[in-house]
């Protein structure tokens, strides 16, 4: 393929942007001030390298006892994963959460390193906490700050990483060095970065977790969008209510006072025509905010608007972080009470799958940007052109999800020792298990799979697997020593259900980790099965009728001699009875 010439100093054309000014501009350190961040020193045109970021933080920690640095893991290429702790008592901040009355707020940046506004906003806020009178934010909160979760992607820097984003001039790459999108890795936890983050969450036990991003997609007026797993889908309903009724109003009011226009998470039915409606589905737990909801951790997903100037986005993120620390400190008792309720709750009928709802859930206000359409010679179609002109607020329909498959809550699951990947991944999340010291017999429900399909392309280094659950069979099975019993009567019970039920979108089966049952390793030669099949037909009139019906229903099957013989083999005593039998047993009583 021949690459068309493109000047090194020219970015892809972006739409015009409305003029902006706000009170948060006063947060920028003036020329000549001490402790200007690297981004401020360049008027936000650039963002520092990882080494420059750590150098700034090292100097800051050396200059103030309010800030300490630590390493909580390493990237796949060996770079340190750094966490900053801002606290009036950094020793107490590392003690168990139950010993502290201060809120614990974990903020993660750079899971997608091109979307790096949070890092630069965090450096500014840490500076102001240390030297400019904002240490009052630590009166009721300890702040744990990860400036870059994906440093390998951060250092794969280019002016051409994110064509839909207005600055900084050079940006990191979305994926990790393994080619993994880390914000799709929270359940399977393949990457050392996400494994380290999960261990960090377990170690510090945050009350609130904030994941900072920059979005793509359509144009609109909001500069900072944020949201959570929506209330109808939440597995943590008490936390969800707190986020919607306490966190959002407080943070929105504070950001508006600083001159920003915060909005909800924006996903459109059609990015060219947002007036047709927005979508807020039930997010699967591969994403940080849904993962947090499933493990009963209040989690906020922030999506800055990529088409706004980077200066505006960074200042809006600063305002959001400042408001977050304030509301967390003020509401820590209420938030912890909500968290305790959700961790003690056991949903009687967990939802395994979600489907798009046919009708809108409600109408919501939306702040659009004007657009028109033009004929594109390249695409041969009518393409949208955003004009940078704010339009009056409109009401648009919001579509969501509706429950699909549900089950009565199992008592637990038996995971055979022959599935070590499953046992090991459950352990990565801190899910409680009992490991059998000797062989155990148990009455279980076993799922017989059918219509298995493997995706034709690889996603996240793995092939996706989809299968229908045709039949649930009650069996008495023996699970060898080393097998694991996973109870659902634990705070991470919902997470265990989602990982172990094959129908769930992010189950370990769906991600290809439970594939041995899909492989039919034994077979019969045609010269053996054909005479056996003839005898079966002659001896069993009901079988003969079923075979005739199968022939009549499927001409392709009728014309395929091998398929016809496999039909008989699958009904013979020689068939592997564990073929397409999902090996993890569901315990219901």
Protein backbone atom coordinates (compact mmCIF):
# COMPACT_ATOMS: atom_id res chain seq x y z
CA UNK A 1 0.00 0.00 0.00
CA UNK A 2 1.33 3.45 -0.93
CA UNK A 3 0.88 6.13 1.71
CA UNK A 4 -0.40 9.46 0.47
CA UNK A 5 1.86 12.40 1.38
CA UNK A 6 0.76 14.26 4.48
CA UNK A 7 2.78 17.14 5.95
CA UNK A 8 4.40 16.33 9.29
CA UNK A 9 3.18 19.65 10.75
CA UNK A 10 -0.47 19.26 9.76
CA UNK A 11 -3.16 17.51 11.74
CA UNK A 12 -6.41 16.13 10.37
CA UNK A 13 -8.97 18.95 10.01
CA UNK A 14 -11.23 19.42 13.02
CA UNK A 15 -14.48 21.39 13.28
CA UNK A 16 -14.49 24.98 14.53
CA UNK A 17 -14.82 25.32 18.28
CA UNK A 18 -16.95 27.82 20.24
CA UNK A 19 -15.03 30.46 22.16
CA UNK A 20 -14.67 29.75 25.87
CA UNK A 21 -13.54 31.46 29.03
CA UNK A 22 -14.19 30.54 32.63
CA UNK A 23 -13.25 31.14 36.24
CA UNK A 24 -11.04 28.05 36.18
CA UNK A 25 -8.53 29.94 34.02
CA UNK A 26 -7.35 31.59 37.23
CA UNK A 27 -5.98 28.17 38.24
CA UNK A 28 -3.19 28.39 35.64
CA UNK A 29 0.12 29.36 37.22
CA UNK A 30 1.40 32.62 35.66
CA UNK A 31 4.73 32.94 33.89
CA UNK A 32 7.50 33.14 36.46
CA UNK A 33 5.56 31.35 39.19
CA UNK A 34 7.20 28.51 41.05
CA UNK A 35 6.12 24.95 40.35
CA UNK A 36 4.54 25.53 36.97
CA UNK A 37 3.70 22.16 35.51
CA UNK A 38 5.25 21.16 32.17
CA UNK A 39 1.87 21.55 30.45
CA UNK A 40 1.32 25.04 31.91
CA UNK A 41 4.83 26.07 30.86
CA UNK A 42 3.88 25.30 27.25
CA UNK A 43 0.35 26.78 27.50
CA UNK A 44 -1.02 23.21 27.36
CA UNK A 45 0.24 22.69 23.79
CA UNK A 46 2.22 19.65 24.94
CA UNK A 47 2.13 17.06 27.71
CA UNK A 48 5.28 15.81 29.47
CA UNK A 49 6.86 12.42 28.81
CA UNK A 50 6.56 9.78 31.48
CA UNK A 51 10.08 10.49 32.71
CA UNK A 52 9.34 14.22 32.88
CA UNK A 53 6.09 13.51 34.74
CA UNK A 54 7.85 11.37 37.34
CA UNK A 55 10.65 13.95 37.69
CA UNK A 56 8.08 16.67 38.50
CA UNK A 57 6.39 14.38 41.02
CA UNK A 58 9.72 13.38 42.61
CA UNK A 59 10.60 17.04 43.11
CA UNK A 60 7.14 17.76 44.52
CA UNK A 61 7.35 14.87 46.99
CA UNK A 62 10.80 16.02 48.10
CA UNK A 63 9.45 19.50 48.80
CA UNK A 64 6.32 18.66 50.84
CA UNK A 65 5.30 16.01 53.37
CA UNK A 66 1.77 16.09 51.94
CA UNK A 67 2.81 14.14 48.85
CA UNK A 68 4.50 10.73 48.66
CA UNK A 69 5.25 8.44 45.74
CA UNK A 70 5.10 4.67 45.54
CA UNK A 71 5.23 1.92 42.93
CA UNK A 72 2.40 -0.61 42.73
CA UNK A 73 3.62 -2.71 39.80
CA UNK A 74 5.38 -2.61 36.47
CA UNK A 75 4.19 -2.39 32.89
CA UNK A 76 4.83 -5.22 30.49
CA UNK A 77 7.93 -3.35 29.24
CA UNK A 78 9.16 -2.84 32.80
CA UNK A 79 8.21 0.76 33.48
CA UNK A 80 7.17 1.50 37.07
CA UNK A 81 3.47 2.01 37.75
CA UNK A 82 3.52 5.03 40.05
CA UNK A 83 0.91 6.07 42.58
CA UNK A 84 0.94 9.45 44.32
CA UNK A 85 -0.59 9.69 47.79
CA UNK A 86 -1.74 13.13 48.94
CA UNK A 87 -2.63 13.07 52.62
CA UNK A 88 -2.14 14.91 55.86
CA UNK A 89 -1.01 11.58 57.33
CA UNK A 90 0.53 9.38 54.62
CA UNK A 91 1.21 6.59 57.13
CA UNK A 92 -2.47 6.48 58.10
CA UNK A 93 -3.41 6.62 54.42
CA UNK A 94 -1.73 3.24 54.01
CA UNK A 95 -3.57 1.67 56.95
CA UNK A 96 -6.85 -0.26 56.56
CA UNK A 97 -9.78 1.85 55.42
CA UNK A 98 -11.75 0.92 58.54
CA UNK A 99 -9.15 2.75 60.63
CA UNK A 100 -9.67 6.07 58.83
CA UNK A 101 -12.57 8.50 58.94
CA UNK A 102 -11.27 10.31 55.85
CA UNK A 103 -12.65 9.43 52.42
CA UNK A 104 -10.32 7.50 50.15
CA UNK A 105 -10.43 8.67 46.53
CA UNK A 106 -8.53 6.78 43.84
CA UNK A 107 -8.06 8.60 40.52
CA UNK A 108 -6.64 6.80 37.52
CA UNK A 109 -5.34 8.50 34.38
CA UNK A 110 -3.82 7.33 31.13
CA UNK A 111 -5.44 3.92 30.78
CA UNK A 112 -5.73 5.30 27.21
CA UNK A 113 -2.56 7.41 27.16
CA UNK A 114 -3.59 9.69 24.30
CA UNK A 115 -6.43 10.80 26.58
CA UNK A 116 -4.12 12.36 29.10
CA UNK A 117 -5.93 15.47 30.42
CA UNK A 118 -6.22 13.92 33.88
CA UNK A 119 -2.47 13.64 34.32
CA UNK A 120 -1.88 17.34 33.65
CA UNK A 121 -4.86 18.42 35.76
CA UNK A 122 -3.63 16.19 38.59
CA UNK A 123 -0.15 17.71 38.56
CA UNK A 124 -1.69 21.18 38.86
CA UNK A 125 -3.96 20.17 41.74
CA UNK A 126 -1.14 18.40 43.60
CA UNK A 127 0.97 21.55 43.26
CA UNK A 128 -1.84 23.70 44.61
CA UNK A 129 -2.44 21.30 47.53
CA UNK A 130 1.25 21.45 48.38
CA UNK A 131 1.92 25.18 48.01
CA UNK A 132 -1.15 27.25 47.10
CA UNK A 133 -3.56 26.76 49.97
CA UNK A 134 -5.64 23.87 48.68
CA UNK A 135 -4.41 21.50 51.37
CA UNK A 136 -7.87 21.97 52.91
CA UNK A 137 -9.00 19.33 50.39
CA UNK A 138 -7.07 16.83 52.53
CA UNK A 139 -8.92 17.71 55.74
CA UNK A 140 -11.46 14.98 55.03
CA UNK A 141 -9.95 12.96 52.20
CA UNK A 142 -6.87 11.00 51.20
CA UNK A 143 -6.17 11.18 47.48
CA UNK A 144 -4.52 8.30 45.62
CA UNK A 145 -3.47 9.42 42.14
CA UNK A 146 -2.20 7.22 39.30
CA UNK A 147 -0.89 9.67 36.68
CA UNK A 148 -0.41 7.08 33.92
CA UNK A 149 -1.70 3.52 34.15
CA UNK A 150 -0.38 2.59 30.69
CA UNK A 151 3.14 4.07 30.54
CA UNK A 152 4.20 1.89 27.58
CA UNK A 153 1.39 3.31 25.47
CA UNK A 154 2.17 6.76 26.87
CA UNK A 155 5.69 6.56 25.50
CA UNK A 156 4.54 5.42 22.05
CA UNK A 157 4.12 9.11 21.30
CA UNK A 158 3.10 10.61 17.99
CA UNK A 159 1.44 13.65 16.48
CA UNK A 160 -0.87 11.22 14.71
CA UNK A 161 -2.22 9.10 17.57
CA UNK A 162 -5.70 10.60 17.89
CA UNK A 163 -7.05 12.36 14.80
CA UNK A 164 -10.36 13.24 16.51
CA UNK A 165 -8.75 15.09 19.44
CA UNK A 166 -7.75 18.75 19.72
CA UNK A 167 -4.35 18.60 21.43
CA UNK A 168 -1.90 18.11 22.91
CA UNK A 169 0.44 18.18 19.93
CA UNK A 170 2.01 14.79 20.66
CA UNK A 171 -0.08 12.05 22.24
CA UNK A 172 0.37 8.52 23.50
CA UNK A 173 -1.07 5.37 21.94
CA UNK A 174 -4.40 3.86 23.00
CA UNK A 175 -3.26 0.27 23.55
CA UNK A 176 -0.61 -1.22 25.82
CA UNK A 177 2.62 -2.73 24.56
CA UNK A 178 0.73 -6.04 24.32
CA UNK A 179 -1.82 -4.45 22.01
CA UNK A 180 -4.43 -4.60 24.78
CA UNK A 181 -7.08 -1.96 25.34
CA UNK A 182 -6.72 -1.88 29.10
CA UNK A 183 -10.25 -0.53 29.59
CA UNK A 184 -11.52 -3.82 28.18
CA UNK A 185 -9.36 -5.94 30.48
CA UNK A 186 -10.98 -5.58 33.89
CA UNK A 187 -12.57 -9.04 33.95
CA UNK A 188 -10.02 -11.21 32.18
CA UNK A 189 -7.15 -9.22 33.75
CA UNK A 190 -4.54 -10.39 31.26
CA UNK A 191 -2.29 -7.33 31.46
CA UNK A 192 0.17 -6.71 34.30
CA UNK A 193 -1.15 -3.15 34.43
CA UNK A 194 -4.75 -4.16 35.23
CA UNK A 195 -3.61 -6.96 37.54
CA UNK A 196 -1.57 -4.37 39.46
CA UNK A 197 -4.50 -1.94 39.56
CA UNK A 198 -6.81 -4.62 41.00
CA UNK A 199 -4.23 -5.40 43.69
CA UNK A 200 -3.98 -1.68 44.42
CA UNK A 201 -7.76 -1.41 44.82
CA UNK A 202 -7.68 -4.35 47.23
CA UNK A 203 -4.82 -2.77 49.17
CA UNK A 204 -6.13 0.77 49.66
CA UNK A 205 -9.88 -0.01 49.68
CA UNK A 206 -10.99 3.28 48.08
CA UNK A 207 -14.43 4.69 48.78
CA UNK A 208 -14.56 6.28 45.33
CA UNK A 209 -12.76 5.42 42.07
CA UNK A 210 -12.52 7.89 39.17
CA UNK A 211 -11.32 6.87 35.69
CA UNK A 212 -10.35 9.82 33.46
CA UNK A 213 -10.68 9.68 29.66
CA UNK A 214 -11.20 11.85 26.57
CA UNK A 215 -14.02 10.75 24.30
CA UNK A 216 -14.45 10.58 20.52
CA UNK A 217 -17.59 10.80 18.40
CA UNK A 218 -19.99 13.60 17.68
CA UNK A 219 -19.80 17.30 18.50
CA UNK A 220 -21.84 18.90 21.31
CA UNK A 221 -21.53 21.73 23.82
CA UNK A 222 -20.48 19.83 26.96
CA UNK A 223 -16.76 19.96 27.72
CA UNK A 224 -16.59 17.41 30.56
CA UNK A 225 -18.97 14.42 30.57
CA UNK A 226 -19.18 11.91 33.38
CA UNK A 227 -21.39 9.08 34.46
CA UNK A 228 -21.80 5.68 36.06
CA UNK A 229 -23.58 2.42 35.45
CA UNK A 230 -27.16 3.68 35.09
CA UNK A 231 -29.51 2.96 37.98
CA UNK A 232 -31.75 0.33 36.30
CA UNK A 233 -28.71 -1.82 35.51
CA UNK A 234 -26.67 -1.35 38.67
CA UNK A 235 -25.62 -4.34 40.75
CA UNK A 236 -24.84 -1.75 43.46
CA UNK A 237 -28.17 0.10 43.72
CA UNK A 238 -27.38 1.99 46.93
CA UNK A 239 -24.06 3.25 45.52
CA UNK A 240 -25.77 4.13 42.25
CA UNK A 241 -28.38 6.18 44.10
CA UNK A 242 -25.61 8.06 45.96
CA UNK A 243 -23.76 8.79 42.70
CA UNK A 244 -26.90 10.08 40.99
CA UNK A 245 -28.41 12.00 43.89
CA UNK A 246 -25.39 13.28 45.80
CA UNK A 247 -22.27 13.15 43.65
CA UNK A 248 -23.62 14.36 40.32
CA UNK A 249 -25.50 17.45 41.55
CA UNK A 250 -22.61 18.58 43.76
CA UNK A 251 -19.93 18.10 41.10
CA UNK A 252 -22.07 19.64 38.37
CA UNK A 253 -22.78 22.77 40.42
CA UNK A 254 -19.12 23.19 41.34
CA UNK A 255 -17.95 22.79 37.74
CA UNK A 256 -20.57 25.19 36.41
CA UNK A 257 -19.40 27.78 38.96
CA UNK A 258 -15.91 27.40 37.43
CA UNK A 259 -17.24 28.12 33.94
CA UNK A 260 -17.59 24.60 32.57
CA UNK A 261 -20.54 22.78 31.07
CA UNK A 262 -20.59 19.23 32.45
CA UNK A 263 -22.88 16.66 30.87
CA UNK A 264 -23.83 12.99 30.98
CA UNK A 265 -22.05 10.24 29.10
CA UNK A 266 -22.94 10.85 25.44
CA UNK A 267 -23.49 7.91 23.09
CA UNK A 268 -25.69 8.56 20.07
CA UNK A 269 -27.86 6.23 18.02
CA UNK A 270 -26.34 7.99 15.00
CA UNK A 271 -23.23 10.16 15.48
CA UNK A 272 -24.30 12.26 12.51
CA UNK A 273 -27.78 12.97 13.87
CA UNK A 274 -27.81 13.04 17.68
CA UNK A 275 -31.33 14.48 17.67
CA UNK A 276 -32.53 10.96 16.83
CA UNK A 277 -31.66 9.91 20.34
CA UNK A 278 -28.93 8.99 22.78
CA UNK A 279 -28.07 5.57 24.18
CA UNK A 280 -27.13 4.64 27.73
CA UNK A 281 -26.92 0.84 27.81
CA UNK A 282 -26.04 -1.63 30.53
CA UNK A 283 -22.25 -1.67 30.22
CA UNK A 284 -20.50 -5.03 30.65
CA UNK A 285 -17.82 -5.21 33.35
CA UNK A 286 -14.90 -5.17 30.94
CA UNK A 287 -15.17 -1.38 31.48
CA UNK A 288 -13.90 0.28 34.65
CA UNK A 289 -17.17 1.87 35.77
CA UNK A 290 -19.21 -1.31 35.28
CA UNK A 291 -16.49 -3.41 36.92
CA UNK A 292 -16.56 -1.05 39.89
CA UNK A 293 -20.34 -1.33 40.09
CA UNK A 294 -20.10 -5.13 40.05
CA UNK A 295 -17.58 -5.20 42.88
CA UNK A 296 -19.55 -2.59 44.89
CA UNK A 297 -17.06 0.24 44.49
CA UNK A 298 -18.45 3.68 43.61
CA UNK A 299 -16.89 4.34 40.21
CA UNK A 300 -17.09 7.40 37.96
CA UNK A 301 -16.21 7.34 34.26
CA UNK A 302 -15.12 10.77 32.96
CA UNK A 303 -15.10 11.46 29.22
CA UNK A 304 -13.77 14.91 28.33
CA UNK A 305 -14.93 16.13 24.94
CA UNK A 306 -12.13 15.59 22.44
CA UNK A 307 -13.11 18.53 20.20
CA UNK A 308 -12.74 21.12 22.98
CA UNK A 309 -9.32 22.79 23.39
CA UNK A 310 -6.97 20.84 25.62
CA UNK A 311 -6.57 23.83 27.97
CA UNK A 312 -10.34 23.91 28.57
CA UNK A 313 -10.44 20.15 29.09
CA UNK A 314 -7.56 20.12 31.60
CA UNK A 315 -9.07 22.96 33.62
CA UNK A 316 -12.45 21.24 33.61
CA UNK A 317 -10.81 18.07 34.88
CA UNK A 318 -9.12 20.04 37.67
CA UNK A 319 -12.53 21.42 38.65
CA UNK A 320 -14.04 17.91 38.65
CA UNK A 321 -11.22 16.51 40.80
CA UNK A 322 -11.49 19.37 43.29
CA UNK A 323 -15.25 18.87 43.57
CA UNK A 324 -14.83 15.11 43.86
CA UNK A 325 -12.49 15.37 46.84
CA UNK A 326 -14.87 17.84 48.48
CA UNK A 327 -18.07 15.80 48.08
CA UNK A 328 -16.31 12.56 49.05
CA UNK A 329 -15.11 14.14 52.29
CA UNK A 330 -18.53 15.63 53.07
CA UNK A 331 -20.42 12.45 52.24
CA UNK A 332 -17.99 9.74 53.36
CA UNK A 333 -20.34 8.28 55.98
CA UNK A 334 -23.29 8.15 53.57
CA UNK A 335 -21.13 6.65 50.83
CA UNK A 336 -19.71 4.00 53.14
CA UNK A 337 -23.20 3.14 54.38
CA UNK A 338 -24.38 2.70 50.77
CA UNK A 339 -21.35 0.57 50.00
CA UNK A 340 -21.96 -1.62 53.04
CA UNK A 341 -25.60 -2.16 52.00
CA UNK A 342 -24.61 -3.25 48.52
CA UNK A 343 -21.86 -5.55 49.76
CA UNK A 344 -24.30 -7.23 52.13
CA UNK A 345 -27.06 -7.59 49.53
CA UNK A 346 -27.53 -10.80 47.53
CA UNK A 347 -29.68 -10.27 44.42
CA UNK A 348 -32.12 -13.23 44.22
CA UNK A 349 -32.35 -13.21 40.42
CA UNK A 350 -29.15 -11.87 38.85
CA UNK A 351 -29.35 -10.68 35.25
CA UNK A 352 -26.90 -12.50 32.97
CA UNK A 353 -27.59 -10.73 29.67
CA UNK A 354 -28.99 -7.39 28.57
CA UNK A 355 -30.72 -6.47 25.32
CA UNK A 356 -31.40 -3.13 23.72
CA UNK A 357 -34.84 -1.85 24.73
CA UNK A 358 -37.33 -1.36 21.92
CA UNK A 359 -38.69 1.89 23.36
CA UNK A 360 -36.91 4.89 24.92
CA UNK A 361 -36.59 4.88 28.68
CA UNK A 362 -37.13 8.64 28.97
CA UNK A 363 -36.35 11.98 27.34
CA UNK A 364 -33.28 13.93 28.46
CA UNK A 365 -31.99 17.43 27.71
CA UNK A 366 -29.18 17.73 25.18
CA UNK A 367 -27.01 20.71 24.19
CA UNK A 368 -26.30 20.32 20.44
CA UNK A 369 -23.87 21.95 18.04
CA UNK A 370 -25.12 23.04 14.61
CA UNK A 371 -24.24 20.85 11.62
CA UNK A 372 -24.98 20.39 7.95
CA UNK A 373 -24.22 17.74 5.33
CA UNK A 374 -22.10 17.75 2.20
CA UNK A 375 -21.27 15.33 -0.60
CA UNK A 376 -17.89 13.68 0.01
CA UNK A 377 -16.00 12.56 -3.12
CA UNK A 378 -13.97 10.17 -0.92
CA UNK A 379 -16.85 8.34 0.76
CA UNK A 380 -19.36 8.80 -2.00
CA UNK A 381 -21.94 9.68 0.66
CA UNK A 382 -23.45 12.60 2.52
CA UNK A 383 -21.12 13.37 5.43
CA UNK A 384 -21.77 15.51 8.49
CA UNK A 385 -19.96 18.81 8.98
CA UNK A 386 -20.03 20.36 12.47
CA UNK A 387 -20.21 24.15 12.41
CA UNK A 388 -19.08 25.13 15.93
CA UNK A 389 -22.30 27.05 16.66
CA UNK A 390 -24.17 26.20 19.89
CA UNK A 391 -27.90 25.56 19.45
CA UNK A 392 -30.68 25.82 22.06
CA UNK A 393 -31.15 22.87 24.38
CA UNK A 394 -33.51 20.18 23.09
CA UNK A 395 -35.17 17.09 24.55
CA UNK A 396 -34.05 13.84 22.93
CA UNK A 397 -35.08 10.24 23.61
CA UNK A 398 -32.72 8.09 25.68
CA UNK A 399 -32.62 4.40 24.82
CA UNK A 400 -31.37 1.82 27.23
CA UNK A 401 -31.29 -1.88 27.93
CA UNK A 402 -33.77 -4.43 29.15
CA UNK A 403 -33.00 -7.68 31.01
CA UNK A 404 -32.48 -10.75 28.85
CA UNK A 405 -31.51 -14.00 30.59
CA UNK A 406 -31.89 -14.19 34.37
CA UNK A 407 -31.36 -17.07 36.81
CA UNK A 408 -32.24 -17.86 40.37
CA UNK A 409 -29.18 -17.07 42.42
CA UNK A 410 -26.99 -20.18 42.70
CA UNK A 411 -25.46 -21.14 46.01
CA UNK A 412 -22.13 -21.43 44.24
CA UNK A 413 -20.06 -23.10 41.52
CA UNK A 414 -17.64 -26.00 41.31
CA UNK A 415 -14.68 -25.17 39.07
CA UNK A 416 -12.74 -28.34 38.20
CA UNK A 417 -8.99 -28.41 38.68
CA UNK A 418 -8.77 -29.04 34.93
CA UNK A 419 -9.64 -25.34 34.42
CA UNK A 420 -6.62 -23.69 36.09
CA UNK A 421 -6.98 -20.47 34.08
CA UNK A 422 -10.42 -19.94 35.57
CA UNK A 423 -9.32 -20.59 39.16
CA UNK A 424 -6.29 -18.35 38.75
CA UNK A 425 -8.33 -15.47 37.28
CA UNK A 426 -10.93 -15.67 40.01
CA UNK A 427 -8.09 -15.33 42.47
CA UNK A 428 -6.78 -12.23 40.71
CA UNK A 429 -9.97 -10.44 41.71
CA UNK A 430 -9.88 -11.60 45.31
CA UNK A 431 -12.96 -13.81 44.90
CA UNK A 432 -13.23 -16.21 47.84
CA UNK A 433 -12.84 -19.91 47.00
CA UNK A 434 -12.50 -23.19 48.88
CA UNK A 435 -9.92 -25.49 47.28
CA UNK A 436 -10.79 -29.15 47.70
CA UNK A 437 -8.04 -31.14 49.45
CA UNK A 438 -9.50 -34.38 48.10
CA UNK A 439 -11.98 -35.49 45.45
CA UNK A 440 -15.50 -34.22 46.13
CA UNK A 441 -18.85 -35.45 44.84
CA UNK A 442 -21.58 -32.86 44.31
CA UNK A 443 -25.05 -32.53 42.84
CA UNK A 444 -24.73 -29.80 40.23
CA UNK A 445 -26.43 -28.28 37.23
CA UNK A 446 -24.35 -28.71 34.09
CA UNK A 447 -24.96 -26.63 30.98
CA UNK A 448 -25.04 -28.36 27.60
CA UNK A 449 -23.95 -25.88 24.93
CA UNK A 450 -25.14 -25.68 21.36
CA UNK A 451 -24.67 -23.47 18.28
CA UNK A 452 -21.11 -22.60 19.30
CA UNK A 453 -19.60 -19.82 17.20
CA UNK A 454 -16.09 -18.42 17.35
CA UNK A 455 -15.57 -14.85 16.14
CA UNK A 456 -13.68 -14.67 12.84
CA UNK A 457 -11.39 -11.91 14.15
CA UNK A 458 -9.22 -11.53 17.23
CA UNK A 459 -10.14 -8.92 19.83
CA UNK A 460 -7.93 -8.16 22.81
CA UNK A 461 -5.57 -11.00 21.80
CA UNK A 462 -8.39 -13.53 22.11
CA UNK A 463 -11.17 -15.01 19.98
CA UNK A 464 -14.65 -14.35 21.32
CA UNK A 465 -16.86 -17.42 21.79
CA UNK A 466 -20.66 -17.41 21.72
CA UNK A 467 -22.91 -20.40 22.39
CA UNK A 468 -26.53 -21.04 23.20
CA UNK A 469 -27.22 -22.79 26.49
CA UNK A 470 -29.46 -25.55 25.18
CA UNK A 471 -30.11 -27.64 28.23
CA UNK A 472 -29.40 -27.71 31.94
CA UNK A 473 -28.68 -31.24 33.16
CA UNK A 474 -28.67 -32.27 36.80
CA UNK A 475 -25.75 -34.57 37.44
CA UNK A 476 -23.78 -36.01 40.30
CA UNK A 477 -20.18 -35.36 39.41
CA UNK A 478 -16.83 -35.89 41.04
CA UNK A 479 -14.49 -32.90 41.23
CA UNK A 480 -10.86 -33.86 41.73
CA UNK A 481 -8.60 -32.55 44.46
CA UNK A 482 -7.56 -28.99 43.65
CA UNK A 483 -10.99 -28.06 42.31
CA UNK A 484 -12.50 -24.84 43.66
CA UNK A 485 -15.89 -24.20 45.20
CA UNK A 486 -16.91 -20.56 44.69
CA UNK A 487 -19.73 -19.36 46.90
CA UNK A 488 -21.96 -16.52 45.72
CA UNK A 489 -22.59 -15.54 49.34
CA UNK A 490 -19.74 -13.03 49.36
CA UNK A 491 -19.35 -9.33 48.46
CA UNK A 492 -17.86 -10.32 45.09
CA UNK A 493 -20.61 -12.85 44.40
CA UNK A 494 -22.05 -10.90 41.45
CA UNK A 495 -18.60 -10.69 39.90
CA UNK A 496 -18.14 -14.46 40.30
CA UNK A 497 -21.52 -15.12 38.66
CA UNK A 498 -20.64 -12.95 35.68
CA UNK A 499 -17.26 -14.60 35.24
CA UNK A 500 -18.60 -18.16 35.50
CA UNK A 501 -21.96 -18.08 33.70
CA UNK A 502 -21.15 -18.77 30.02
CA UNK A 503 -24.01 -16.60 28.72
CA UNK A 504 -22.54 -13.41 30.26
CA UNK A 505 -20.89 -10.96 27.87
CA UNK A 506 -17.54 -10.94 29.66
CA UNK A 507 -17.55 -14.45 31.12
CA UNK A 508 -14.31 -16.39 30.98
CA UNK A 509 -16.04 -18.75 28.55
CA UNK A 510 -16.95 -15.85 26.23
CA UNK A 511 -13.31 -14.73 26.28
CA UNK A 512 -12.06 -18.15 25.25
CA UNK A 513 -10.63 -19.36 28.56
CA UNK A 514 -12.95 -22.39 28.86
CA UNK A 515 -12.59 -24.05 25.48
CA UNK A 516 -11.65 -27.68 26.13
CA UNK A 517 -15.27 -28.84 26.04
CA UNK A 518 -15.63 -27.49 22.48
CA UNK A 519 -13.12 -29.91 21.01
CA UNK A 520 -14.48 -33.31 19.91
CA UNK A 521 -11.28 -35.35 20.18
CA UNK A 522 -12.69 -38.83 19.47
CA UNK A 523 -14.39 -40.01 16.28
CA UNK A 524 -15.49 -43.10 14.34
CA UNK A 525 -14.57 -44.11 10.80
CA UNK A 526 -17.41 -44.20 8.28
CA UNK A 527 -16.90 -47.89 7.63
CA UNK A 528 -17.70 -48.50 11.32
CA UNK A 529 -20.45 -45.97 11.99
CA UNK A 530 -22.41 -46.60 8.77
CA UNK A 531 -23.36 -50.24 9.54
CA UNK A 532 -23.95 -49.28 13.18
CA UNK A 533 -26.30 -46.50 12.03
CA UNK A 534 -28.16 -48.89 9.72
CA UNK A 535 -28.75 -51.21 12.69
CA UNK A 536 -29.91 -48.26 14.84
CA UNK A 537 -32.44 -47.25 12.17
CA UNK A 538 -33.82 -50.76 11.89
CA UNK A 539 -34.06 -51.27 15.66
CA UNK A 540 -35.61 -47.96 16.72
CA UNK A 541 -38.68 -46.63 14.84
CA UNK A 542 -38.68 -43.39 16.88
CA UNK A 543 -35.06 -42.74 15.92
CA UNK A 544 -35.93 -43.46 12.28
CA UNK A 545 -38.74 -40.91 12.43
CA UNK A 546 -36.41 -38.28 13.94
CA UNK A 547 -33.84 -38.95 11.22
CA UNK A 548 -36.44 -38.63 8.49
CA UNK A 549 -37.60 -35.32 9.95
CA UNK A 550 -34.01 -34.04 10.06
CA UNK A 551 -33.49 -34.97 6.41
CA UNK A 552 -36.70 -33.23 5.37
CA UNK A 553 -35.91 -30.08 7.35
CA UNK A 554 -32.38 -29.53 6.04
CA UNK A 555 -31.51 -30.38 2.42
CA UNK A 556 -27.84 -29.54 3.03
CA UNK A 557 -27.76 -32.04 5.89
CA UNK A 558 -29.52 -34.63 3.73
CA UNK A 559 -26.89 -34.21 1.00
CA UNK A 560 -23.90 -34.53 3.36
CA UNK A 561 -22.96 -38.20 4.08
CA UNK A 562 -20.53 -37.30 6.89
CA UNK A 563 -23.05 -35.04 8.61
CA UNK A 564 -25.62 -37.84 8.46
CA UNK A 565 -23.19 -40.29 10.05
CA UNK A 566 -22.23 -37.74 12.76
CA UNK A 567 -25.92 -37.50 13.59
CA UNK A 568 -25.96 -41.21 14.47
CA UNK A 569 -22.58 -41.10 16.20
CA UNK A 570 -23.86 -38.33 18.51
CA UNK A 571 -26.74 -40.65 19.53
CA UNK A 572 -24.57 -43.69 20.11
CA UNK A 573 -22.91 -44.80 23.36
CA UNK A 574 -19.52 -43.95 21.78
CA UNK A 575 -20.22 -40.22 21.78
CA UNK A 576 -18.13 -38.18 24.30
CA UNK A 577 -20.75 -37.21 26.87
CA UNK A 578 -18.65 -34.24 27.98
CA UNK A 579 -18.41 -32.76 24.49
CA UNK A 580 -20.13 -29.33 24.60
CA UNK A 581 -20.78 -29.84 28.31
CA UNK A 582 -19.64 -26.68 30.10
CA UNK A 583 -17.28 -28.06 32.78
CA UNK A 584 -18.19 -25.67 35.61
CA UNK A 585 -21.03 -26.97 37.77
CA UNK A 586 -23.71 -24.72 39.22
CA UNK A 587 -24.77 -25.56 42.79
CA UNK A 588 -28.35 -24.58 43.54
CA UNK A 589 -29.10 -26.21 46.87
